[in-house]
Amino acid sequence: MCMCPRPFQGSGFLSPNDLPRRSVSVSVNTLFFASYRELVGASALAVELHDGATVADLVHELRGRGEPFDALPEEPAVAVNQSYAMLDEPLREGDEVAFIPPVAGG
């Protein structure tokens, strides 16, 4: 068997179809406090989301898991990395997203 190099073929450039397809995702750490912790039965949960996901995508992903997560509000108060955030806030790898339940007082 000849170990000779093969003759050069093609343009030498890779097209997108030549590359292996990978699903790009980010992992976020989701925290649940007080009544939300009681509701979902956990204080923390790691969640994989698609790259470019927002807080709204995280809420949709969790609620889509069914019971008990579907009882979370569609527009909860959240903090991303200890700062209050809107639903359109983009998420990055390793972000900490805290679900903050409503509080009542008197």
N, C-alpha and C. Protein backbone atom coordinates (compact mmCIF):
# COMPACT_ATOMS: atom_id res chain seq x y z
N MET A 1 0.85 -1.16 0.00
CA MET A 1 0.00 0.00 0.00
C MET A 1 0.90 1.23 0.00
N CYS A 2 0.62 2.14 -0.89
CA CYS A 2 1.40 3.36 -1.01
C CYS A 2 0.97 4.36 0.05
N MET A 3 1.92 4.93 0.76
CA MET A 3 1.63 5.97 1.76
C MET A 3 1.89 7.35 1.16
N CYS A 4 1.78 7.45 -0.16
CA CYS A 4 2.04 8.70 -0.85
C CYS A 4 0.90 9.68 -0.58
N PRO A 5 1.20 10.97 -0.54
CA PRO A 5 0.12 11.94 -0.37
C PRO A 5 -0.82 11.90 -1.56
N ARG A 6 -2.08 12.12 -1.29
CA ARG A 6 -3.08 12.13 -2.35
C ARG A 6 -2.98 13.44 -3.12
N PRO A 7 -3.26 13.40 -4.39
CA PRO A 7 -3.22 14.64 -5.16
C PRO A 7 -4.27 15.61 -4.64
N PHE A 8 -3.95 16.90 -4.74
CA PHE A 8 -4.85 17.96 -4.30
C PHE A 8 -6.13 17.91 -5.12
N GLN A 9 -7.26 17.91 -4.44
CA GLN A 9 -8.55 17.88 -5.14
C GLN A 9 -9.41 19.03 -4.64
N GLY A 10 -10.24 19.58 -5.47
CA GLY A 10 -11.18 20.62 -5.08
C GLY A 10 -10.51 21.96 -4.90
N SER A 11 -11.26 22.88 -4.32
CA SER A 11 -10.78 24.25 -4.17
C SER A 11 -9.86 24.41 -2.97
N GLY A 12 -9.86 23.46 -2.05
CA GLY A 12 -9.05 23.59 -0.85
C GLY A 12 -9.80 24.30 0.27
N PHE A 13 -11.01 24.77 0.00
CA PHE A 13 -11.81 25.46 1.00
C PHE A 13 -12.93 24.54 1.46
N LEU A 14 -13.26 24.63 2.74
CA LEU A 14 -14.37 23.86 3.28
C LEU A 14 -15.65 24.66 3.16
N SER A 15 -16.69 24.00 2.76
CA SER A 15 -18.00 24.64 2.75
C SER A 15 -18.67 24.34 4.09
N PRO A 16 -19.72 25.08 4.45
CA PRO A 16 -20.42 24.78 5.70
C PRO A 16 -20.92 23.35 5.77
N ASN A 17 -21.23 22.74 4.62
CA ASN A 17 -21.71 21.37 4.61
C ASN A 17 -20.62 20.36 4.93
N ASP A 18 -19.33 20.77 4.81
CA ASP A 18 -18.23 19.87 5.11
C ASP A 18 -17.95 19.77 6.60
N LEU A 19 -18.44 20.73 7.38
CA LEU A 19 -18.15 20.79 8.81
C LEU A 19 -19.18 19.99 9.60
N PRO A 20 -18.74 19.38 10.70
CA PRO A 20 -19.71 18.67 11.52
C PRO A 20 -20.67 19.67 12.15
N ARG A 21 -21.93 19.28 12.24
CA ARG A 21 -22.92 20.18 12.83
C ARG A 21 -22.93 19.98 14.34
N ARG A 22 -22.87 21.12 15.03
CA ARG A 22 -22.93 21.08 16.48
C ARG A 22 -24.05 22.01 16.94
N SER A 23 -24.72 21.61 17.97
CA SER A 23 -25.74 22.45 18.56
C SER A 23 -25.05 23.33 19.61
N VAL A 24 -25.10 24.62 19.40
CA VAL A 24 -24.47 25.53 20.34
C VAL A 24 -25.48 25.82 21.45
N SER A 25 -25.03 25.68 22.68
CA SER A 25 -25.93 25.92 23.79
C SER A 25 -25.19 26.58 24.94
N VAL A 26 -25.97 27.12 25.85
CA VAL A 26 -25.42 27.72 27.07
C VAL A 26 -26.11 27.06 28.25
N SER A 27 -25.39 26.93 29.32
CA SER A 27 -25.94 26.39 30.55
C SER A 27 -26.08 27.52 31.55
N VAL A 28 -27.27 27.67 32.12
CA VAL A 28 -27.50 28.69 33.13
C VAL A 28 -27.92 28.01 34.43
N ASN A 29 -27.57 28.64 35.52
CA ASN A 29 -27.93 28.14 36.85
C ASN A 29 -29.19 28.86 37.30
N THR A 30 -30.26 28.13 37.48
CA THR A 30 -31.54 28.70 37.85
C THR A 30 -31.79 28.47 39.33
N LEU A 31 -32.12 29.56 40.02
CA LEU A 31 -32.38 29.50 41.46
C LEU A 31 -33.85 29.81 41.73
N PHE A 32 -34.42 29.09 42.70
CA PHE A 32 -35.80 29.30 43.10
C PHE A 32 -35.83 29.62 44.59
N PHE A 33 -36.54 30.69 44.94
CA PHE A 33 -36.62 31.12 46.33
C PHE A 33 -38.04 30.97 46.87
N ALA A 34 -38.14 30.81 48.18
CA ALA A 34 -39.38 30.82 48.95
C ALA A 34 -40.46 29.97 48.29
N SER A 35 -41.59 30.58 47.92
CA SER A 35 -42.73 29.81 47.41
C SER A 35 -42.40 29.10 46.09
N TYR A 36 -41.50 29.67 45.27
CA TYR A 36 -41.10 28.99 44.03
C TYR A 36 -40.29 27.74 44.34
N ARG A 37 -39.46 27.80 45.38
CA ARG A 37 -38.69 26.62 45.79
C ARG A 37 -39.65 25.52 46.24
N GLU A 38 -40.68 25.90 47.00
CA GLU A 38 -41.68 24.92 47.45
C GLU A 38 -42.45 24.36 46.26
N LEU A 39 -42.78 25.22 45.32
CA LEU A 39 -43.57 24.82 44.14
C LEU A 39 -42.84 23.77 43.30
N VAL A 40 -41.57 24.05 42.95
CA VAL A 40 -40.84 23.16 42.04
C VAL A 40 -40.09 22.05 42.77
N GLY A 41 -39.97 22.18 44.08
CA GLY A 41 -39.31 21.13 44.86
C GLY A 41 -37.80 21.13 44.75
N ALA A 42 -37.22 22.27 44.39
CA ALA A 42 -35.76 22.38 44.28
C ALA A 42 -35.36 23.83 44.48
N SER A 43 -34.17 24.03 44.98
CA SER A 43 -33.67 25.40 45.15
C SER A 43 -32.81 25.84 43.97
N ALA A 44 -32.30 24.87 43.20
CA ALA A 44 -31.44 25.21 42.06
C ALA A 44 -31.60 24.15 40.98
N LEU A 45 -31.36 24.59 39.74
CA LEU A 45 -31.48 23.69 38.60
C LEU A 45 -30.62 24.22 37.47
N ALA A 46 -29.79 23.37 36.89
CA ALA A 46 -29.02 23.76 35.70
C ALA A 46 -29.89 23.52 34.47
N VAL A 47 -29.94 24.51 33.58
CA VAL A 47 -30.78 24.42 32.39
C VAL A 47 -29.95 24.73 31.16
N GLU A 48 -30.05 23.87 30.13
CA GLU A 48 -29.38 24.09 28.85
C GLU A 48 -30.32 24.82 27.91
N LEU A 49 -29.84 25.89 27.32
CA LEU A 49 -30.62 26.69 26.38
C LEU A 49 -29.82 26.91 25.11
N HIS A 50 -30.50 27.28 24.04
CA HIS A 50 -29.80 27.57 22.79
C HIS A 50 -29.02 28.87 22.92
N ASP A 51 -27.95 28.99 22.18
CA ASP A 51 -27.14 30.20 22.18
C ASP A 51 -28.01 31.38 21.77
N GLY A 52 -27.90 32.48 22.46
CA GLY A 52 -28.70 33.66 22.17
C GLY A 52 -30.02 33.68 22.92
N ALA A 53 -30.24 32.70 23.81
CA ALA A 53 -31.49 32.62 24.56
C ALA A 53 -31.64 33.81 25.51
N THR A 54 -32.88 34.13 25.81
CA THR A 54 -33.22 35.21 26.73
C THR A 54 -33.88 34.64 27.98
N VAL A 55 -34.14 35.52 28.94
CA VAL A 55 -34.87 35.10 30.14
C VAL A 55 -36.22 34.53 29.74
N ALA A 56 -36.90 35.13 28.77
CA ALA A 56 -38.19 34.63 28.31
C ALA A 56 -38.06 33.20 27.78
N ASP A 57 -36.96 32.90 27.08
CA ASP A 57 -36.73 31.54 26.58
C ASP A 57 -36.58 30.56 27.74
N LEU A 58 -35.90 30.99 28.79
CA LEU A 58 -35.73 30.14 29.98
C LEU A 58 -37.09 29.86 30.61
N VAL A 59 -37.90 30.90 30.78
CA VAL A 59 -39.23 30.72 31.37
C VAL A 59 -40.06 29.76 30.51
N HIS A 60 -40.02 29.95 29.20
CA HIS A 60 -40.76 29.07 28.28
C HIS A 60 -40.27 27.63 28.39
N GLU A 61 -38.96 27.44 28.45
CA GLU A 61 -38.38 26.09 28.58
C GLU A 61 -38.87 25.43 29.87
N LEU A 62 -38.80 26.15 30.97
CA LEU A 62 -39.21 25.57 32.25
C LEU A 62 -40.70 25.26 32.26
N ARG A 63 -41.53 26.20 31.86
CA ARG A 63 -42.98 25.99 31.85
C ARG A 63 -43.36 24.85 30.91
N GLY A 64 -42.60 24.67 29.84
CA GLY A 64 -42.85 23.60 28.89
C GLY A 64 -42.56 22.21 29.42
N ARG A 65 -41.89 22.14 30.54
CA ARG A 65 -41.59 20.84 31.16
C ARG A 65 -42.79 20.24 31.86
N GLY A 66 -43.86 21.01 31.96
CA GLY A 66 -45.06 20.51 32.61
C GLY A 66 -44.98 20.67 34.12
N GLU A 67 -45.84 19.91 34.78
CA GLU A 67 -45.96 20.01 36.23
C GLU A 67 -44.66 19.65 36.92
N PRO A 68 -44.22 20.39 37.90
CA PRO A 68 -44.84 21.54 38.54
C PRO A 68 -44.42 22.89 37.92
N PHE A 69 -43.52 22.85 36.94
CA PHE A 69 -42.96 24.09 36.38
C PHE A 69 -44.00 24.94 35.65
N ASP A 70 -45.05 24.28 35.13
CA ASP A 70 -46.05 25.04 34.40
C ASP A 70 -46.84 25.99 35.30
N ALA A 71 -46.68 25.86 36.61
CA ALA A 71 -47.35 26.77 37.56
C ALA A 71 -46.54 28.06 37.76
N LEU A 72 -45.31 28.11 37.25
CA LEU A 72 -44.55 29.36 37.31
C LEU A 72 -45.26 30.40 36.45
N PRO A 73 -45.24 31.67 36.87
CA PRO A 73 -45.89 32.69 36.05
C PRO A 73 -45.20 32.87 34.70
N GLU A 74 -45.96 33.33 33.72
CA GLU A 74 -45.40 33.57 32.39
C GLU A 74 -44.41 34.73 32.39
N GLU A 75 -44.60 35.68 33.30
CA GLU A 75 -43.72 36.84 33.39
C GLU A 75 -43.27 37.06 34.84
N PRO A 76 -42.43 36.17 35.34
CA PRO A 76 -41.99 36.30 36.73
C PRO A 76 -40.95 37.40 36.90
N ALA A 77 -40.81 37.85 38.14
CA ALA A 77 -39.69 38.75 38.46
C ALA A 77 -38.45 37.87 38.55
N VAL A 78 -37.37 38.30 37.89
CA VAL A 78 -36.12 37.54 37.91
C VAL A 78 -34.94 38.48 38.08
N ALA A 79 -33.87 37.90 38.56
CA ALA A 79 -32.59 38.61 38.62
C ALA A 79 -31.56 37.77 37.88
N VAL A 80 -30.76 38.40 37.06
CA VAL A 80 -29.67 37.72 36.36
C VAL A 80 -28.38 38.23 36.97
N ASN A 81 -27.62 37.32 37.54
CA ASN A 81 -26.36 37.67 38.20
C ASN A 81 -26.56 38.77 39.23
N GLN A 82 -27.63 38.61 40.03
CA GLN A 82 -27.96 39.45 41.18
C GLN A 82 -28.43 40.86 40.82
N SER A 83 -28.88 41.07 39.58
CA SER A 83 -29.48 42.34 39.17
C SER A 83 -30.82 42.05 38.52
N TYR A 84 -31.85 42.79 38.93
CA TYR A 84 -33.15 42.58 38.31
C TYR A 84 -33.03 42.68 36.79
N ALA A 85 -33.80 41.83 36.10
CA ALA A 85 -33.70 41.77 34.64
C ALA A 85 -35.08 41.67 34.01
N MET A 86 -35.16 42.14 32.77
CA MET A 86 -36.38 42.03 31.98
C MET A 86 -36.36 40.69 31.24
N LEU A 87 -37.51 40.32 30.69
CA LEU A 87 -37.61 39.04 29.99
C LEU A 87 -36.77 38.99 28.72
N ASP A 88 -36.46 40.15 28.13
CA ASP A 88 -35.66 40.15 26.90
C ASP A 88 -34.15 40.18 27.16
N GLU A 89 -33.76 40.03 28.41
CA GLU A 89 -32.33 40.01 28.78
C GLU A 89 -31.66 38.76 28.19
N PRO A 90 -30.59 38.94 27.40
CA PRO A 90 -29.89 37.76 26.87
C PRO A 90 -29.13 37.04 27.97
N LEU A 91 -29.03 35.73 27.83
CA LEU A 91 -28.31 34.91 28.81
C LEU A 91 -27.02 34.38 28.22
N ARG A 92 -26.01 34.27 29.08
CA ARG A 92 -24.71 33.75 28.66
C ARG A 92 -24.34 32.54 29.50
N GLU A 93 -23.38 31.80 29.02
CA GLU A 93 -22.89 30.61 29.72
C GLU A 93 -22.57 30.95 31.18
N GLY A 94 -23.14 30.15 32.10
CA GLY A 94 -22.84 30.29 33.52
C GLY A 94 -23.64 31.35 34.25
N ASP A 95 -24.54 32.06 33.56
CA ASP A 95 -25.35 33.07 34.24
C ASP A 95 -26.17 32.42 35.34
N GLU A 96 -26.43 33.21 36.38
CA GLU A 96 -27.28 32.78 37.48
C GLU A 96 -28.60 33.54 37.35
N VAL A 97 -29.69 32.80 37.22
CA VAL A 97 -31.01 33.40 37.06
C VAL A 97 -31.86 33.02 38.27
N ALA A 98 -32.23 34.01 39.06
CA ALA A 98 -33.02 33.79 40.25
C ALA A 98 -34.48 34.16 39.99
N PHE A 99 -35.38 33.25 40.28
CA PHE A 99 -36.81 33.50 40.20
C PHE A 99 -37.25 34.06 41.55
N ILE A 100 -37.78 35.27 41.54
CA ILE A 100 -38.13 35.97 42.77
C ILE A 100 -39.64 35.99 42.91
N PRO A 101 -40.16 35.30 43.93
CA PRO A 101 -41.61 35.24 44.09
C PRO A 101 -42.16 36.57 44.61
N PRO A 102 -43.45 36.80 44.36
CA PRO A 102 -44.07 38.00 44.92
C PRO A 102 -44.08 37.89 46.45
N VAL A 103 -44.00 39.04 47.09
CA VAL A 103 -44.03 39.06 48.55
C VAL A 103 -45.21 39.90 49.00
N ALA A 104 -45.75 39.53 50.13
CA ALA A 104 -46.84 40.29 50.71
C ALA A 104 -46.42 40.73 52.10
N GLY A 105 -46.91 41.79 52.51
CA GLY A 105 -46.55 42.27 53.83
C GLY A 105 -47.62 43.19 54.36
N GLY A 106 -47.43 43.58 55.54
CA GLY A 106 -48.45 44.45 56.12
C GLY A 106 -47.86 45.37 57.13
